[in-house]
Amino acid sequence: MDRYERISTLHRLLKSAHYPIPLSTLLDELECSRATLYRDVAFLRDALGAPVESAGGDQAAFRYEVGEGERFELPGLWLTSDELAALLALNELIGRSGAGVLAGALAPFKARIEGLLSDRDSGEVLPIERIRVIPWGERKLNQQVFRIVAGSVLKRHQLRFRYRARTTNTDSRRTVSPQRLTHYRDNWYLDVWDHDREALRSFAVDRIVEPQALDTAAIDVAENDLNDLLASSYGIFAGKPKAWATIRFSQHAARWVADEHWHSQQRGEWLPDGRYELQVPYSNSRELLMDVLKYGPDAEIVSPLPLREEMKILLQLAMSGYQQNV
């Protein structure tokens, strides 16, 4: 246990104690020598201003002054080495996953964590370069657009922007009340109340152009209503589920699929022959079909019949391309 962890543990013990804690008990809890404990007590009292007092009697003991201990908290950032290392790893993950605006905002925090870690008694340097993040399918994001969008979400202001839809390749002007930002499959999406359509919608942030934060306060939609429409069906596509898809995976693929999270309401079951059957609710079949296709012959859509027929058509179209001479 290094010094930071001992100080944090000592503070926690003294703050929660109703009676003076004997020296022997503190030595056992902190796993340190008598001299080290006295140095830590002195540091806690003199450097950090903790209301530590010694209790008399046959055995040395310590406590926080009655009435003062309840109000005292350790100043600054006091975390264990493992907690700091985990935060540093998280910051590295954010920085390497392409969300540059977040990495920039957290840069001072990262420097502070690295400084704290460098002060540890062990002097250990963490090899953060050994954390590897490989983005997949990440689309180019305009950082200025992201800042305006994120600011409108957090400040609860309405937002006006031009949107270039990929599905129709057309532009439209939208005035919305931002509800939340969603990071999904290495890309950002904005969930909104669309004032022009009078409905909940999701927009890809990378397709938002010319955003303008308005002074008008945003309309808040209840969390349950957001989840019912925007998170109840499979994937990023909005809408309440129209059906449940049943997909069966081979014994080989089952070893992966059984541990995968496809949807918050998914149902999974091992079949007697070693295959795995997965059920998920969906509204728009497009994304679900793409995810099933990646398993190739190891996946079969069992029901509903319309979804199964859609998959058959996709497979036939794919085969027709390979039957043509190159």
Protein backbone atom coordinates (compact mmCIF):
# COMPACT_ATOMS: atom_id res chain seq x y z
CA MET A 1 0.00 0.00 0.00
CA ASP A 2 1.58 3.33 -1.02
CA ARG A 3 1.36 6.62 0.84
CA TYR A 4 -1.67 7.96 -1.01
CA GLU A 5 -3.62 4.80 -0.30
CA ARG A 6 -2.57 4.80 3.36
CA ILE A 7 -3.65 8.43 3.82
CA SER A 8 -6.97 7.74 2.12
CA THR A 9 -7.55 4.63 4.22
CA LEU A 10 -6.50 6.41 7.43
CA HIS A 11 -8.92 9.24 6.71
CA ARG A 12 -11.75 6.79 6.03
CA LEU A 13 -11.09 4.90 9.27
CA LEU A 14 -10.91 8.02 11.42
CA LYS A 15 -13.95 9.60 9.81
CA SER A 16 -16.15 6.54 10.35
CA ALA A 17 -14.95 5.76 13.91
CA HIS A 18 -17.13 6.68 16.89
CA TYR A 19 -14.32 6.02 19.37
CA PRO A 20 -10.50 6.46 19.30
CA ILE A 21 -8.83 3.79 17.17
CA PRO A 22 -5.94 2.00 18.90
CA LEU A 23 -2.51 2.24 17.32
CA SER A 24 -2.33 -1.55 16.90
CA THR A 25 -5.57 -1.57 14.90
CA LEU A 26 -4.32 1.15 12.56
CA LEU A 27 -1.04 -0.70 12.03
CA ASP A 28 -2.92 -3.83 11.02
CA GLU A 29 -5.26 -1.95 8.69
CA LEU A 30 -2.51 0.09 6.99
CA GLU A 31 0.08 -2.70 6.94
CA CYS A 32 2.93 -0.33 7.80
CA SER A 33 5.48 0.31 10.52
CA ARG A 34 4.90 2.41 13.63
CA ALA A 35 7.20 5.15 12.32
CA THR A 36 5.38 5.26 8.97
CA LEU A 37 2.02 5.54 10.69
CA TYR A 38 3.17 8.49 12.81
CA ARG A 39 4.51 10.23 9.68
CA ASP A 40 1.17 9.69 7.92
CA VAL A 41 -0.77 11.01 10.91
CA ALA A 42 1.46 14.09 11.00
CA PHE A 43 1.00 14.65 7.27
CA LEU A 44 -2.78 14.25 7.55
CA ARG A 45 -2.90 16.73 10.44
CA ASP A 46 -0.25 19.31 9.50
CA ALA A 47 -0.27 19.33 5.68
CA LEU A 48 -3.92 18.55 4.99
CA GLY A 49 -5.48 20.22 8.04
CA ALA A 50 -7.32 17.16 9.31
CA PRO A 51 -8.71 17.50 12.87
CA VAL A 52 -6.65 14.57 14.21
CA GLU A 53 -6.24 14.28 17.96
CA SER A 54 -4.44 11.73 20.11
CA ALA A 55 -6.33 9.92 22.82
CA GLY A 56 -4.65 9.28 26.18
CA GLY A 57 -4.70 6.07 28.14
CA ASP A 58 -2.63 2.94 28.38
CA GLN A 59 -2.37 2.60 24.60
CA ALA A 60 -1.90 5.25 21.93
CA ALA A 61 -5.01 5.91 19.84
CA PHE A 62 -6.24 8.48 17.33
CA ARG A 63 -9.56 10.03 16.36
CA TYR A 64 -11.05 13.04 14.62
CA GLU A 65 -12.24 15.82 16.89
CA VAL A 66 -15.92 15.46 17.67
CA GLY A 67 -17.96 17.75 15.42
CA GLU A 68 -15.01 18.50 13.14
CA GLY A 69 -14.48 15.09 11.60
CA GLU A 70 -17.91 15.06 9.99
CA ARG A 71 -17.12 18.23 8.07
CA PHE A 72 -13.56 17.46 7.01
CA GLU A 73 -12.82 15.96 3.58
CA LEU A 74 -9.50 15.29 1.89
CA PRO A 75 -8.61 18.13 -0.50
CA GLY A 76 -7.96 17.54 -4.19
CA LEU A 77 -8.03 14.24 -6.04
CA TRP A 78 -7.48 11.31 -3.67
CA LEU A 79 -7.67 7.97 -5.37
CA THR A 80 -5.77 4.72 -5.08
CA SER A 81 -3.06 3.83 -7.58
CA ASP A 82 -5.34 1.31 -9.26
CA GLU A 83 -8.14 3.88 -9.57
CA LEU A 84 -5.79 6.47 -11.04
CA ALA A 85 -4.38 3.93 -13.47
CA ALA A 86 -7.90 2.99 -14.56
CA LEU A 87 -8.76 6.66 -15.15
CA LEU A 88 -5.58 7.14 -17.14
CA ALA A 89 -6.41 4.09 -19.24
CA LEU A 90 -9.92 5.47 -19.83
CA ASN A 91 -8.47 8.79 -20.95
CA GLU A 92 -6.16 6.94 -23.33
CA LEU A 93 -9.14 5.04 -24.70
CA ILE A 94 -11.01 8.29 -25.36
CA GLY A 95 -7.98 9.90 -26.96
CA ARG A 96 -7.26 6.99 -29.29
CA SER A 97 -10.87 6.34 -30.27
CA GLY A 98 -10.99 9.51 -32.35
CA ALA A 99 -13.17 11.69 -30.12
CA GLY A 100 -10.65 14.52 -30.30
CA VAL A 101 -12.83 17.12 -28.62
CA LEU A 102 -13.12 14.93 -25.53
CA ALA A 103 -9.42 14.11 -25.49
CA GLY A 104 -8.58 17.81 -25.63
CA ALA A 105 -10.94 18.67 -22.80
CA LEU A 106 -9.49 15.91 -20.63
CA ALA A 107 -5.85 16.73 -21.35
CA PRO A 108 -5.35 18.73 -18.09
CA PHE A 109 -6.99 15.90 -16.16
CA LYS A 110 -4.60 13.41 -17.75
CA ALA A 111 -1.60 15.55 -16.81
CA ARG A 112 -2.86 15.77 -13.23
CA ILE A 113 -3.27 11.99 -12.99
CA GLU A 114 0.20 11.39 -14.45
CA GLY A 115 1.62 13.84 -11.92
CA LEU A 116 -0.05 12.05 -9.03
CA LEU A 117 1.18 8.68 -10.25
CA SER A 118 4.74 9.98 -10.59
CA ASP A 119 4.69 10.91 -6.89
CA ARG A 120 4.02 7.36 -5.79
CA ASP A 121 6.53 5.75 -3.48
CA SER A 122 7.22 2.94 -5.94
CA GLY A 123 8.16 5.30 -8.77
CA GLU A 124 6.49 2.92 -11.21
CA VAL A 125 5.80 4.30 -14.69
CA LEU A 126 2.67 2.93 -16.33
CA PRO A 127 3.17 1.75 -19.94
CA ILE A 128 0.01 3.37 -21.28
CA GLU A 129 1.23 2.74 -24.85
CA ARG A 130 0.33 -0.90 -24.26
CA ILE A 131 -3.37 -0.01 -24.35
CA ARG A 132 -4.40 -0.43 -27.97
CA VAL A 133 -7.64 0.96 -29.41
CA ILE A 134 -8.59 0.19 -33.02
CA PRO A 135 -11.56 2.24 -34.30
CA TRP A 136 -13.81 0.53 -36.80
CA GLY A 137 -16.29 2.26 -39.08
CA GLU A 138 -15.54 5.65 -37.57
CA ARG A 139 -16.68 8.57 -39.73
CA LYS A 140 -14.99 11.96 -39.95
CA LEU A 141 -16.42 14.34 -37.36
CA ASN A 142 -16.28 18.14 -37.47
CA GLN A 143 -15.06 19.10 -33.99
CA GLN A 144 -16.66 22.56 -34.07
CA VAL A 145 -20.02 21.04 -34.94
CA PHE A 146 -19.60 18.53 -32.12
CA ARG A 147 -18.86 21.31 -29.61
CA ILE A 148 -21.98 23.28 -30.57
CA VAL A 149 -24.18 20.18 -30.50
CA ALA A 150 -22.80 18.97 -27.18
CA GLY A 151 -23.11 22.46 -25.69
CA SER A 152 -26.77 22.65 -26.69
CA VAL A 153 -27.44 19.26 -25.11
CA LEU A 154 -25.82 20.20 -21.81
CA LYS A 155 -27.08 23.80 -21.64
CA ARG A 156 -30.60 22.65 -22.66
CA HIS A 157 -30.97 25.09 -25.56
CA GLN A 158 -32.78 24.50 -28.84
CA LEU A 159 -30.64 23.92 -31.90
CA ARG A 160 -31.07 24.78 -35.58
CA PHE A 161 -29.05 23.05 -38.31
CA ARG A 162 -28.97 21.75 -41.86
CA TYR A 163 -29.01 17.97 -42.18
CA ARG A 164 -27.70 15.95 -45.11
CA ALA A 165 -29.43 12.57 -44.96
CA ARG A 166 -27.49 9.61 -46.31
CA THR A 167 -30.56 7.53 -47.14
CA THR A 168 -32.14 10.15 -49.43
CA ASN A 169 -29.06 12.31 -50.20
CA THR A 170 -31.15 15.44 -49.61
CA ASP A 171 -30.78 18.48 -47.36
CA SER A 172 -33.33 19.71 -44.83
CA ARG A 173 -33.48 22.45 -42.21
CA ARG A 174 -34.30 21.33 -38.68
CA THR A 175 -35.14 23.10 -35.42
CA VAL A 176 -34.86 20.69 -32.54
CA SER A 177 -34.75 20.32 -28.78
CA PRO A 178 -31.64 18.19 -28.12
CA GLN A 179 -32.25 15.38 -25.65
CA ARG A 180 -28.99 13.42 -25.46
CA LEU A 181 -25.81 12.46 -27.30
CA THR A 182 -25.32 8.77 -28.06
CA HIS A 183 -21.99 7.17 -28.94
CA TYR A 184 -22.75 4.05 -30.95
CA ARG A 185 -20.33 1.89 -32.92
CA ASP A 186 -17.57 4.53 -32.97
CA ASN A 187 -19.91 7.32 -34.12
CA TRP A 188 -22.01 10.02 -32.46
CA TYR A 189 -25.78 10.48 -32.78
CA LEU A 190 -28.04 13.24 -31.51
CA ASP A 191 -31.43 12.28 -30.08
CA VAL A 192 -33.87 15.18 -30.38
CA TRP A 193 -37.44 16.36 -30.29
CA ASP A 194 -37.91 17.57 -33.89
CA HIS A 195 -40.16 20.65 -33.77
CA ASP A 196 -40.80 20.55 -37.53
CA ARG A 197 -41.90 16.89 -37.52
CA GLU A 198 -43.30 17.00 -33.96
CA ALA A 199 -41.64 13.68 -33.21
CA LEU A 200 -38.52 12.13 -31.66
CA ARG A 201 -35.68 11.63 -34.10
CA SER A 202 -31.98 10.61 -34.14
CA PHE A 203 -29.44 12.40 -36.34
CA ALA A 204 -25.87 11.38 -37.17
CA VAL A 205 -23.70 14.23 -35.86
CA ASP A 206 -21.27 13.87 -38.76
CA ARG A 207 -24.12 14.79 -41.15
CA ILE A 208 -25.10 17.96 -39.25
CA VAL A 209 -24.05 21.18 -40.99
CA GLU A 210 -24.18 24.83 -39.89
CA PRO A 211 -25.43 24.24 -36.33
CA GLN A 212 -26.70 27.27 -34.47
CA ALA A 213 -27.50 27.24 -30.76
CA LEU A 214 -30.65 29.22 -30.01
CA ASP A 215 -31.54 31.19 -26.88
CA THR A 216 -34.85 29.32 -26.59
CA ALA A 217 -34.93 26.68 -23.87
CA ALA A 218 -35.15 23.09 -25.08
CA ILE A 219 -38.24 21.00 -24.44
CA ASP A 220 -37.42 18.04 -22.20
CA VAL A 221 -38.80 14.62 -23.10
CA ALA A 222 -39.16 12.08 -20.30
CA GLU A 223 -36.41 9.45 -20.18
CA ASN A 224 -38.93 6.63 -20.42
CA ASP A 225 -40.42 8.12 -23.59
CA LEU A 226 -36.95 8.47 -25.12
CA ASN A 227 -36.11 4.86 -24.38
CA ASP A 228 -39.48 3.56 -25.58
CA LEU A 229 -39.02 5.07 -29.02
CA LEU A 230 -35.26 5.35 -29.48
CA ALA A 231 -33.85 2.40 -27.55
CA SER A 232 -36.54 -0.27 -27.57
CA SER A 233 -35.71 -1.59 -31.05
CA TYR A 234 -32.53 -3.10 -32.41
CA GLY A 235 -29.70 -0.78 -33.42
CA ILE A 236 -29.71 2.96 -33.92
CA PHE A 237 -32.95 3.17 -35.91
CA ALA A 238 -35.85 4.73 -34.00
CA GLY A 239 -39.31 3.31 -33.57
CA LYS A 240 -41.16 0.93 -31.33
CA PRO A 241 -40.51 -2.76 -32.13
CA LYS A 242 -42.73 -4.23 -34.82
CA ALA A 243 -41.58 -7.81 -34.26
CA TRP A 244 -39.07 -10.07 -32.55
CA ALA A 245 -36.36 -11.69 -34.64
CA THR A 246 -35.27 -15.24 -33.87
CA ILE A 247 -31.77 -16.14 -35.07
CA ARG A 248 -30.05 -19.51 -34.69
CA PHE A 249 -26.27 -19.75 -34.63
CA SER A 250 -24.11 -22.79 -35.28
CA GLN A 251 -22.17 -24.52 -32.52
CA HIS A 252 -19.06 -22.70 -33.68
CA ALA A 253 -20.58 -19.20 -33.70
CA ALA A 254 -22.50 -19.85 -30.49
CA ARG A 255 -19.31 -19.60 -28.46
CA TRP A 256 -19.10 -15.92 -29.40
CA VAL A 257 -22.76 -14.94 -29.71
CA ALA A 258 -23.77 -16.31 -26.31
CA ASP A 259 -21.48 -13.73 -24.67
CA GLU A 260 -22.39 -10.80 -26.94
CA HIS A 261 -24.75 -7.94 -26.12
CA TRP A 262 -27.08 -7.30 -29.05
CA HIS A 263 -29.95 -5.55 -27.26
CA SER A 264 -30.98 -4.68 -23.70
CA GLN A 265 -34.06 -6.93 -23.98
CA GLN A 266 -32.47 -9.82 -25.85
CA ARG A 267 -33.30 -13.41 -24.99
CA GLY A 268 -30.85 -16.23 -25.49
CA GLU A 269 -31.16 -19.99 -25.20
CA TRP A 270 -28.80 -22.91 -25.77
CA LEU A 271 -30.37 -25.62 -27.93
CA PRO A 272 -29.91 -29.35 -27.18
CA ASP A 273 -27.68 -29.82 -30.24
CA GLY A 274 -25.22 -27.10 -29.10
CA ARG A 275 -26.56 -24.30 -31.27
CA TYR A 276 -27.61 -20.96 -29.76
CA GLU A 277 -30.92 -19.19 -30.39
CA LEU A 278 -31.09 -15.42 -29.97
CA GLN A 279 -34.21 -13.24 -29.96
CA VAL A 280 -34.15 -9.45 -30.32
CA PRO A 281 -36.88 -6.82 -30.94
CA TYR A 282 -36.54 -4.69 -34.07
CA SER A 283 -38.27 -1.90 -35.92
CA ASN A 284 -36.07 -1.37 -38.98
CA SER A 285 -34.52 -4.57 -40.32
CA ARG A 286 -31.56 -3.01 -42.12
CA GLU A 287 -28.98 -3.00 -39.34
CA LEU A 288 -30.10 -6.34 -37.94
CA LEU A 289 -29.72 -8.01 -41.32
CA MET A 290 -26.20 -6.59 -41.72
CA ASP A 291 -25.17 -7.95 -38.33
CA VAL A 292 -26.56 -11.40 -39.05
CA LEU A 293 -24.88 -11.44 -42.48
CA LYS A 294 -21.43 -11.10 -40.96
CA TYR A 295 -21.82 -14.61 -39.51
CA GLY A 296 -22.37 -16.05 -42.99
CA PRO A 297 -23.39 -19.73 -42.95
CA ASP A 298 -23.17 -19.83 -39.13
CA ALA A 299 -26.40 -17.82 -38.72
CA GLU A 300 -29.98 -18.44 -39.84
CA ILE A 301 -33.00 -16.19 -39.36
CA VAL A 302 -35.86 -18.45 -38.27
CA SER A 303 -38.64 -15.92 -37.80
CA PRO A 304 -40.57 -13.84 -38.55
CA LEU A 305 -41.12 -15.01 -42.10
CA PRO A 306 -40.89 -11.52 -43.73
CA LEU A 307 -37.48 -10.98 -42.15
CA ARG A 308 -36.35 -14.43 -43.27
CA GLU A 309 -37.46 -13.61 -46.83
CA GLU A 310 -35.57 -10.31 -46.74
CA MET A 311 -32.43 -12.20 -45.83
CA LYS A 312 -32.97 -14.68 -48.66
CA ILE A 313 -33.29 -11.83 -51.16
CA LEU A 314 -30.07 -10.20 -49.88
CA LEU A 315 -28.19 -13.50 -50.18
CA GLN A 316 -29.53 -14.09 -53.69
CA LEU A 317 -28.49 -10.58 -54.77
CA ALA A 318 -25.04 -11.12 -53.30
CA MET A 319 -24.70 -14.44 -55.14
CA SER A 320 -25.79 -12.92 -58.44
CA GLY A 321 -22.85 -10.52 -58.28
CA TYR A 322 -20.37 -13.38 -57.94
CA GLN A 323 -21.97 -15.34 -60.80
CA GLN A 324 -21.08 -12.60 -63.28
CA ASN A 325 -17.76 -12.70 -65.08
CA VAL A 326 -15.30 -10.09 -63.88
